PDB file of N, CA and C in Angstrom:
ATOM      1  N   UNK A   1     -10.377  -4.294 -14.027  1.00  0.00           N
ATOM      2  CA  UNK A   1      -9.808  -3.002 -13.958  1.00  0.00           C
ATOM      3  C   UNK A   1     -10.082  -2.182 -12.830  1.00  0.00           C
ATOM      4  N   UNK A   2     -11.392  -2.312 -12.525  1.00  0.00           N
ATOM      5  CA  UNK A   2     -11.879  -1.470 -11.199  1.00  0.00           C
ATOM      6  C   UNK A   2     -11.145  -1.974 -10.072  1.00  0.00           C
ATOM      7  N   UNK A   3     -10.959  -3.256  -9.821  1.00  0.00           N
ATOM      8  CA  UNK A   3     -10.228  -3.665  -8.635  1.00  0.00           C
ATOM      9  C   UNK A   3      -8.833  -3.162  -8.508  1.00  0.00           C
ATOM     10  N   UNK A   4      -8.071  -3.168  -9.790  1.00  0.00           N
ATOM     11  CA  UNK A   4      -6.743  -2.810  -9.795  1.00  0.00           C
ATOM     12  C   UNK A   4      -6.724  -1.265  -9.461  1.00  0.00           C
ATOM     13  N   UNK A   5      -7.607  -0.417 -10.081  1.00  0.00           N
ATOM     14  CA  UNK A   5      -7.647   1.031  -9.807  1.00  0.00           C
ATOM     15  C   UNK A   5      -8.011   1.333  -8.323  1.00  0.00           C
ATOM     16  N   UNK A   6      -8.815   0.531  -7.819  1.00  0.00           N
ATOM     17  CA  UNK A   6      -9.270   0.758  -6.423  1.00  0.00           C
ATOM     18  C   UNK A   6      -8.217   0.321  -5.436  1.00  0.00           C
ATOM     19  N   UNK A   7      -7.514  -0.788  -5.563  1.00  0.00           N
ATOM     20  CA  UNK A   7      -6.410  -1.108  -4.581  1.00  0.00           C
ATOM     21  C   UNK A   7      -5.262  -0.241  -4.763  1.00  0.00           C
ATOM     22  N   UNK A   8      -4.939   0.242  -6.094  1.00  0.00           N
ATOM     23  CA  UNK A   8      -3.798   1.176  -6.305  1.00  0.00           C
ATOM     24  C   UNK A   8      -4.160   2.518  -5.639  1.00  0.00           C
ATOM     25  N   UNK A   9      -5.390   3.022  -5.851  1.00  0.00           N
ATOM     26  CA  UNK A   9      -5.802   4.382  -5.092  1.00  0.00           C
ATOM     27  C   UNK A   9      -5.633   4.280  -3.710  1.00  0.00           C
ATOM     28  N   UNK A  10      -6.188   3.100  -3.006  1.00  0.00           N
ATOM     29  CA  UNK A  10      -6.011   2.903  -1.637  1.00  0.00           C
ATOM     30  C   UNK A  10      -4.599   2.920  -1.086  1.00  0.00           C
ATOM     31  N   UNK A  11      -3.685   2.214  -1.865  1.00  0.00           N
ATOM     32  CA  UNK A  11      -2.211   2.179  -1.596  1.00  0.00           C
ATOM     33  C   UNK A  11      -1.539   3.633  -1.591  1.00  0.00           C
ATOM     34  N   UNK A  12      -1.919   4.269  -2.726  1.00  0.00           N
ATOM     35  CA  UNK A  12      -1.532   5.635  -2.850  1.00  0.00           C
ATOM     36  C   UNK A  12      -2.072   6.640  -1.731  1.00  0.00           C
ATOM     37  N   UNK A  13      -3.179   6.468  -1.295  1.00  0.00           N
ATOM     38  CA  UNK A  13      -3.680   7.316  -0.223  1.00  0.00           C
ATOM     39  C   UNK A  13      -3.128   6.969   1.048  1.00  0.00           C
ATOM     40  N   UNK A  14      -2.341   5.824   1.227  1.00  0.00           N
ATOM     41  CA  UNK A  14      -1.791   5.564   2.526  1.00  0.00           C
ATOM     42  C   UNK A  14      -2.373   4.442   3.348  1.00  0.00           C
ATOM     43  N   UNK A  15      -3.358   3.740   2.777  1.00  0.00           N
ATOM     44  CA  UNK A  15      -4.140   2.682   3.468  1.00  0.00           C
ATOM     45  C   UNK A  15      -2.994   1.679   3.939  1.00  0.00           C
ATOM     46  N   UNK A  16      -2.849   1.249   5.057  1.00  0.00           N
ATOM     47  CA  UNK A  16      -1.957   0.124   5.505  1.00  0.00           C
ATOM     48  C   UNK A  16      -2.018  -1.076   4.718  1.00  0.00           C
ATOM     49  N   UNK A  17      -1.024  -1.588   4.260  1.00  0.00           N
ATOM     50  CA  UNK A  17      -1.192  -2.990   3.593  1.00  0.00           C
ATOM     51  C   UNK A  17      -1.805  -4.059   4.254  1.00  0.00           C
ATOM     52  N   UNK A  18      -1.529  -4.171   5.601  1.00  0.00           N
ATOM     53  CA  UNK A  18      -2.366  -5.282   6.394  1.00  0.00           C
ATOM     54  C   UNK A  18      -3.827  -5.048   6.262  1.00  0.00           C
ATOM     55  N   UNK A  19      -4.318  -3.781   6.363  1.00  0.00           N
ATOM     56  CA  UNK A  19      -5.638  -3.425   6.277  1.00  0.00           C
ATOM     57  C   UNK A  19      -6.162  -3.745   4.950  1.00  0.00           C
ATOM     58  N   UNK A  20      -5.658  -3.203   3.863  1.00  0.00           N
ATOM     59  CA  UNK A  20      -6.033  -3.567   2.666  1.00  0.00           C
ATOM     60  C   UNK A  20      -5.973  -5.081   2.199  1.00  0.00           C
ATOM     61  N   UNK A  21      -5.025  -5.632   2.635  1.00  0.00           N
ATOM     62  CA  UNK A  21      -4.756  -7.063   2.405  1.00  0.00           C
ATOM     63  C   UNK A  21      -6.031  -7.878   2.793  1.00  0.00           C
ATOM     64  N   UNK A  22      -6.423  -7.615   4.171  1.00  0.00           N
ATOM     65  CA  UNK A  22      -7.661  -8.315   4.682  1.00  0.00           C
ATOM     66  C   UNK A  22      -8.828  -7.880   3.865  1.00  0.00           C
ATOM     67  N   UNK A  23      -8.906  -6.670   3.541  1.00  0.00           N
ATOM     68  CA  UNK A  23     -10.290  -6.185   2.874  1.00  0.00           C
ATOM     69  C   UNK A  23     -10.433  -6.727   1.391  1.00  0.00           C
ATOM     70  N   UNK A  24      -9.163  -6.885   0.686  1.00  0.00           N
ATOM     71  CA  UNK A  24      -9.238  -7.248  -0.629  1.00  0.00           C
ATOM     72  C   UNK A  24      -9.021  -8.667  -0.815  1.00  0.00           C
ATOM     73  N   UNK A  25      -8.718  -9.629   0.261  1.00  0.00           N
ATOM     74  CA  UNK A  25      -8.576 -11.001   0.355  1.00  0.00           C
ATOM     75  C   UNK A  25      -7.264 -11.304  -0.571  1.00  0.00           C
ATOM     76  N   UNK A  26      -6.194 -10.547  -0.456  1.00  0.00           N
ATOM     77  CA  UNK A  26      -4.937 -10.607  -1.316  1.00  0.00           C
ATOM     78  C   UNK A  26      -3.856 -10.581  -0.213  1.00  0.00           C
ATOM     79  N   UNK A  27      -2.849 -11.370  -0.377  1.00  0.00           N
ATOM     80  CA  UNK A  27      -1.758 -11.278   0.477  1.00  0.00           C
ATOM     81  C   UNK A  27      -0.864  -9.842   0.181  1.00  0.00           C
ATOM     82  N   UNK A  28      -0.108  -9.391   1.158  1.00  0.00           N
ATOM     83  CA  UNK A  28       0.732  -8.123   0.907  1.00  0.00           C
ATOM     84  C   UNK A  28       1.687  -8.417  -0.172  1.00  0.00           C
ATOM     85  N   UNK A  29       2.174  -9.556  -0.373  1.00  0.00           N
ATOM     86  CA  UNK A  29       3.049  -9.842  -1.550  1.00  0.00           C
ATOM     87  C   UNK A  29       2.382  -9.624  -2.786  1.00  0.00           C
ATOM     88  N   UNK A  30       0.996  -9.906  -2.860  1.00  0.00           N
ATOM     89  CA  UNK A  30       0.262  -9.825  -4.070  1.00  0.00           C
ATOM     90  C   UNK A  30       0.034  -8.435  -4.303  1.00  0.00           C
ATOM     91  N   UNK A  31      -0.225  -7.676  -3.369  1.00  0.00           N
ATOM     92  CA  UNK A  31      -0.379  -6.277  -3.441  1.00  0.00           C
ATOM     93  C   UNK A  31       0.914  -5.633  -3.924  1.00  0.00           C
ATOM     94  N   UNK A  32       1.973  -5.972  -3.383  1.00  0.00           N
ATOM     95  CA  UNK A  32       3.324  -5.381  -3.878  1.00  0.00           C
ATOM     96  C   UNK A  32       3.651  -5.804  -5.438  1.00  0.00           C
ATOM     97  N   UNK A  33       3.253  -6.894  -5.655  1.00  0.00           N
ATOM     98  CA  UNK A  33       3.658  -7.432  -7.023  1.00  0.00           C
ATOM     99  C   UNK A  33       2.694  -6.808  -8.095  1.00  0.00           C
ATOM    100  N   UNK A  34       1.398  -6.650  -7.857  1.00  0.00           N
ATOM    101  CA  UNK A  34       0.396  -6.340  -8.937  1.00  0.00           C
ATOM    102  C   UNK A  34      -0.203  -4.976  -8.756  1.00  0.00           C
ATOM    103  N   UNK A  35      -0.223  -4.376  -7.604  1.00  0.00           N
ATOM    104  CA  UNK A  35      -0.988  -3.271  -7.382  1.00  0.00           C
ATOM    105  C   UNK A  35      -0.414  -2.126  -6.918  1.00  0.00           C
ATOM    106  N   UNK A  36       0.971  -2.140  -6.416  1.00  0.00           N
ATOM    107  CA  UNK A  36       1.629  -0.995  -5.896  1.00  0.00           C
ATOM    108  C   UNK A  36       2.493  -0.375  -6.874  1.00  0.00           C
ATOM    109  N   UNK A  37       2.033   0.735  -7.496  1.00  0.00           N
ATOM    110  CA  UNK A  37       2.773   1.289  -8.590  1.00  0.00           C
ATOM    111  C   UNK A  37       3.604   2.430  -8.168  1.00  0.00           C
ATOM    112  N   UNK A  38       3.878   2.658  -6.791  1.00  0.00           N
ATOM    113  CA  UNK A  38       4.675   3.570  -6.352  1.00  0.00           C
ATOM    114  C   UNK A  38       6.215   3.305  -6.392  1.00  0.00           C
ATOM    115  N   UNK A  39       6.873   4.363  -6.623  1.00  0.00           N
ATOM    116  CA  UNK A  39       8.390   4.247  -6.734  1.00  0.00           C
ATOM    117  C   UNK A  39       8.898   3.936  -5.319  1.00  0.00           C
ATOM    118  N   UNK A  40      10.205   3.617  -5.221  1.00  0.00           N
ATOM    119  CA  UNK A  40      10.789   3.195  -3.914  1.00  0.00           C
ATOM    120  C   UNK A  40      10.753   4.515  -3.105  1.00  0.00           C
ATOM    121  N   UNK A  41      10.898   5.719  -3.550  1.00  0.00           N
ATOM    122  CA  UNK A  41      10.825   6.880  -2.831  1.00  0.00           C
ATOM    123  C   UNK A  41       9.463   7.227  -2.219  1.00  0.00           C
ATOM    124  N   UNK A  42       8.458   6.867  -3.068  1.00  0.00           N
ATOM    125  CA  UNK A  42       7.058   7.042  -2.722  1.00  0.00           C
ATOM    126  C   UNK A  42       6.528   6.156  -1.543  1.00  0.00           C
ATOM    127  N   UNK A  43       7.221   4.934  -1.786  1.00  0.00           N
ATOM    128  CA  UNK A  43       6.936   3.881  -0.606  1.00  0.00           C
ATOM    129  C   UNK A  43       7.675   4.279   0.660  1.00  0.00           C
ATOM    130  N   UNK A  44       8.911   4.849   0.689  1.00  0.00           N
ATOM    131  CA  UNK A  44       9.589   5.330   1.794  1.00  0.00           C
ATOM    132  C   UNK A  44       8.734   6.423   2.461  1.00  0.00           C
ATOM    133  N   UNK A  45       8.190   7.483   1.661  1.00  0.00           N
ATOM    134  CA  UNK A  45       7.480   8.490   2.314  1.00  0.00           C
ATOM    135  C   UNK A  45       6.234   8.019   2.867  1.00  0.00           C
ATOM    136  N   UNK A  46       5.581   6.955   2.319  1.00  0.00           N
ATOM    137  CA  UNK A  46       4.379   6.379   2.974  1.00  0.00           C
ATOM    138  C   UNK A  46       4.792   5.859   4.299  1.00  0.00           C
ATOM    139  N   UNK A  47       5.804   5.012   4.495  1.00  0.00           N
ATOM    140  CA  UNK A  47       6.286   4.376   5.671  1.00  0.00           C
ATOM    141  C   UNK A  47       6.566   5.469   6.747  1.00  0.00           C
ATOM    142  N   UNK A  48       6.982   6.665   6.356  1.00  0.00           N
ATOM    143  CA  UNK A  48       7.441   7.678   7.420  1.00  0.00           C
ATOM    144  C   UNK A  48       6.142   8.022   8.080  1.00  0.00           C
ATOM    145  N   UNK A  49       4.957   8.036   7.568  1.00  0.00           N
ATOM    146  CA  UNK A  49       3.737   8.454   8.342  1.00  0.00           C
ATOM    147  C   UNK A  49       3.458   7.380   9.348  1.00  0.00           C
ATOM    148  N   UNK A  50       3.920   6.250   9.249  1.00  0.00           N
ATOM    149  CA  UNK A  50       3.534   5.259  10.326  1.00  0.00           C
ATOM    150  C   UNK A  50       4.544   4.732  11.345  1.00  0.00           C
ATOM    151  N   UNK A  51       5.658   5.447  11.182  1.00  0.00           N
ATOM    152  CA  UNK A  51       6.950   5.211  11.978  1.00  0.00           C
ATOM    153  C   UNK A  51       7.190   6.415  12.879  1.00  0.00           C
ATOM    154  N   UNK A  52       7.359   6.127  14.130  1.00  0.00           N
ATOM    155  CA  UNK A  52       7.557   7.196  15.161  1.00  0.00           C
ATOM    156  C   UNK A  52       8.965   7.781  14.737  1.00  0.00           C
ATOM    157  N   UNK A  53       9.193   9.105  14.871  1.00  0.00           N
ATOM    158  CA  UNK A  53      10.406   9.742  14.575  1.00  0.00           C
ATOM    159  C   UNK A  53      11.542   9.610  15.728  1.00  0.00           C
ATOM    160  N   UNK A  54      11.088   9.245  17.005  1.00  0.00           N
ATOM    161  CA  UNK A  54      11.916   9.074  18.037  1.00  0.00           C
ATOM    162  C   UNK A  54      12.511   7.732  18.111  1.00  0.00           C
ATOM    163  N   UNK A  55      12.389   6.873  17.269  1.00  0.00           N
ATOM    164  CA  UNK A  55      12.944   5.458  17.248  1.00  0.00           C
ATOM    165  C   UNK A  55      14.446   5.527  17.180  1.00  0.00           C
TER     166      UNK A  55
END
């Protein structure tokens, strides 16, 4: 339960999945399937922080 809470908190805080994946020794697909509890809208808002607006 500690691992689940920690990974979920990091995802909610905006830690990029590739970084968290390396740190947790879990694939990004595993993070999506088991630890990312964000709604589709919340996931979209996270991505906005990392994508340049002038694309």
